[in-house]
Every structure is written in C-alpha cells, then in structure tokens.
Amino acid sequence: MKEEIRPVEVSTAEHYVWGGVCDGWHLLKLSDLSVIQERVPAHGGESNHYHSLARQFFYVLSGTGVLEFDDARVSLSAGQGVHVPPGVPHRFANEAEVDVVFLVISAPATIGDRTNL
C-alpha cells in the first residue's frame, strides 16, 4: 500500500512538551528521518548533549536562538540554519525576550540516540 501524501501542519501534528516550558511538534516521525518544529520561550533552552548517530540541521523560522558548542557559539535569526554532525556536543538556547521557533531535522531520528552531558 502506498503511503498517503498529504500536507502536515502544527495544529494536527503530534505535540510534546520538553524542558517544562518548550514545545515540539513531530512534522515527520520516521526512524531514518525526523522533522520537528520547536518553540523555546524567552530565556529557555536545553541541556548540553550529543547524538552518536544522528546528524541534525537547525533552521530558525522566527525569533533568534543560539547553538552553543564546546568551543563556539552560533547566533541564528529567522532564515538561518546550522548543521550539527554526529558526536558534537551542543545546546540550543533562547537568550531573547520573545519566543524562537525553529525546525530540527535529524537523520536518523534521535530517539534512543542522546547522551546528556
């Protein structure tokens, strides 16, 4: 049977809360590819971690965010993105006063592939 091809949107996507105040919506949830839209409120963020297998691409849709690495910080505004290879410790944070909304594209998906530091 062919997979149904249809539009995907946040209003009907699987939603989850992380970090107590941040939102995520699974726009595509496959074992080999994941696309998640996330929202991080002002001064929110995640803990430092890495993925052994997954490579990720973070792309900001609105607001501004920071990807922190062991030896660098990359500021991202709407329309900008950055690639994070497997094994690279990183942390996404919002240092601004307004929400940041972004996409995280992971291949393969990160379920079971996260080591917190």
Protein backbone atom coordinates (compact mmCIF):
# COMPACT_ATOMS: atom_id res chain seq x y z
CA MET A 1 0.00 0.00 0.00
CA LYS A 2 1.29 3.45 -0.88
CA GLU A 3 1.88 5.95 1.87
CA GLU A 4 -0.71 8.72 1.83
CA ILE A 5 0.73 12.04 0.69
CA ARG A 6 -0.88 14.94 2.49
CA PRO A 7 0.02 18.32 3.98
CA VAL A 8 1.33 18.41 7.55
CA GLU A 9 0.73 21.25 9.98
CA VAL A 10 1.40 22.05 13.62
CA SER A 11 -2.31 22.06 14.51
CA THR A 12 -2.63 18.34 13.74
CA ALA A 13 0.95 17.11 14.41
CA GLU A 14 1.90 15.04 17.46
CA HIS A 15 2.78 17.55 20.21
CA TYR A 16 5.06 17.15 23.22
CA VAL A 17 6.48 19.40 25.94
CA TRP A 18 10.15 19.34 26.88
CA GLY A 19 12.13 21.21 29.50
CA GLY A 20 8.85 22.03 31.23
CA VAL A 21 8.16 25.08 29.04
CA CYS A 22 9.22 24.25 25.48
CA ASP A 23 7.03 22.74 22.75
CA GLY A 24 7.76 20.30 19.96
CA TRP A 25 5.61 19.07 17.07
CA HIS A 26 6.56 15.97 15.06
CA LEU A 27 6.01 17.04 11.46
CA LEU A 28 7.70 13.85 10.22
CA LYS A 29 8.49 10.96 12.54
CA LEU A 30 10.35 8.13 10.83
CA SER A 31 13.21 6.01 12.14
CA ASP A 32 15.60 7.29 9.47
CA LEU A 33 14.39 10.92 9.28
CA SER A 34 12.74 13.29 11.73
CA VAL A 35 11.42 16.83 11.22
CA ILE A 36 10.32 18.64 14.37
CA GLN A 37 9.11 22.20 14.80
CA GLU A 38 10.06 23.52 18.23
CA ARG A 39 9.26 26.60 20.28
CA VAL A 40 11.53 27.84 23.05
CA PRO A 41 10.26 30.73 25.19
CA ALA A 42 12.37 33.66 26.34
CA HIS A 43 15.47 32.52 28.23
CA GLY A 44 14.65 28.82 27.76
CA GLY A 45 16.86 26.11 26.40
CA GLU A 46 18.02 22.54 26.56
CA SER A 47 20.85 20.78 28.36
CA ASN A 48 24.17 20.13 26.66
CA HIS A 49 24.16 16.77 24.85
CA TYR A 50 25.25 14.92 21.73
CA HIS A 51 23.92 12.27 19.36
CA SER A 52 26.15 9.34 18.39
CA LEU A 53 24.39 8.56 15.10
CA ALA A 54 22.13 11.44 14.14
CA ARG A 55 23.20 14.49 12.24
CA GLN A 56 20.94 17.50 12.74
CA PHE A 57 20.08 20.70 10.94
CA PHE A 58 18.57 23.56 12.98
CA TYR A 59 16.69 26.20 10.96
CA VAL A 60 15.12 29.25 12.63
CA LEU A 61 11.64 30.26 11.41
CA SER A 62 11.08 33.22 13.77
CA GLY A 63 12.92 34.89 16.62
CA THR A 64 16.58 34.32 17.43
CA GLY A 65 18.42 31.46 19.06
CA VAL A 66 21.92 30.35 19.95
CA LEU A 67 23.57 27.00 19.37
CA GLU A 68 26.32 26.53 21.92
CA PHE A 69 29.24 24.16 21.29
CA ASP A 70 32.26 23.32 23.43
CA ASP A 71 34.38 25.97 21.72
CA ALA A 72 31.92 28.17 19.82
CA ARG A 73 28.53 29.89 19.81
CA VAL A 74 26.47 30.41 16.68
CA SER A 75 23.67 33.00 16.78
CA LEU A 76 20.78 32.28 14.42
CA SER A 77 17.95 34.53 13.30
CA ALA A 78 14.96 33.82 11.07
CA GLY A 79 16.06 32.32 7.78
CA GLN A 80 19.36 30.96 9.11
CA GLY A 81 20.39 27.42 9.93
CA VAL A 82 23.35 25.32 11.03
CA HIS A 83 24.38 21.68 10.66
CA VAL A 84 25.45 19.68 13.75
CA PRO A 85 27.35 16.47 12.88
CA PRO A 86 27.05 13.30 14.99
CA GLY A 87 29.18 13.27 18.13
CA VAL A 88 29.33 17.07 18.51
CA PRO A 89 28.13 18.30 21.93
CA HIS A 90 25.60 21.11 21.55
CA ARG A 91 22.84 23.05 23.28
CA PHE A 92 20.08 25.23 21.76
CA ALA A 93 19.07 28.28 23.82
CA ASN A 94 16.92 31.38 23.55
CA GLU A 95 18.59 34.42 25.10
CA ALA A 96 16.00 36.85 23.73
CA GLU A 97 12.80 38.26 25.21
CA VAL A 98 10.49 36.60 22.66
CA ASP A 99 9.88 33.01 21.59
CA VAL A 100 12.11 31.37 19.00
CA VAL A 101 10.50 28.88 16.59
CA PHE A 102 12.72 26.57 14.58
CA LEU A 103 12.93 23.27 12.73
CA VAL A 104 15.20 20.42 13.77
CA ILE A 105 15.82 17.91 11.00
CA SER A 106 17.56 14.71 12.16
CA ALA A 107 18.83 11.74 10.19
CA PRO A 108 18.41 9.17 11.55
CA ALA A 109 15.86 10.13 14.23
CA THR A 110 17.30 10.87 17.67
CA ILE A 111 15.05 8.55 19.73
CA GLY A 112 17.42 6.47 21.86
CA ASP A 113 20.41 8.41 20.50
CA ARG A 114 21.00 11.18 23.04
CA THR A 115 23.71 11.42 25.66
CA ASN A 116 23.27 14.24 28.17
CA LEU A 117 26.44 15.90 29.44
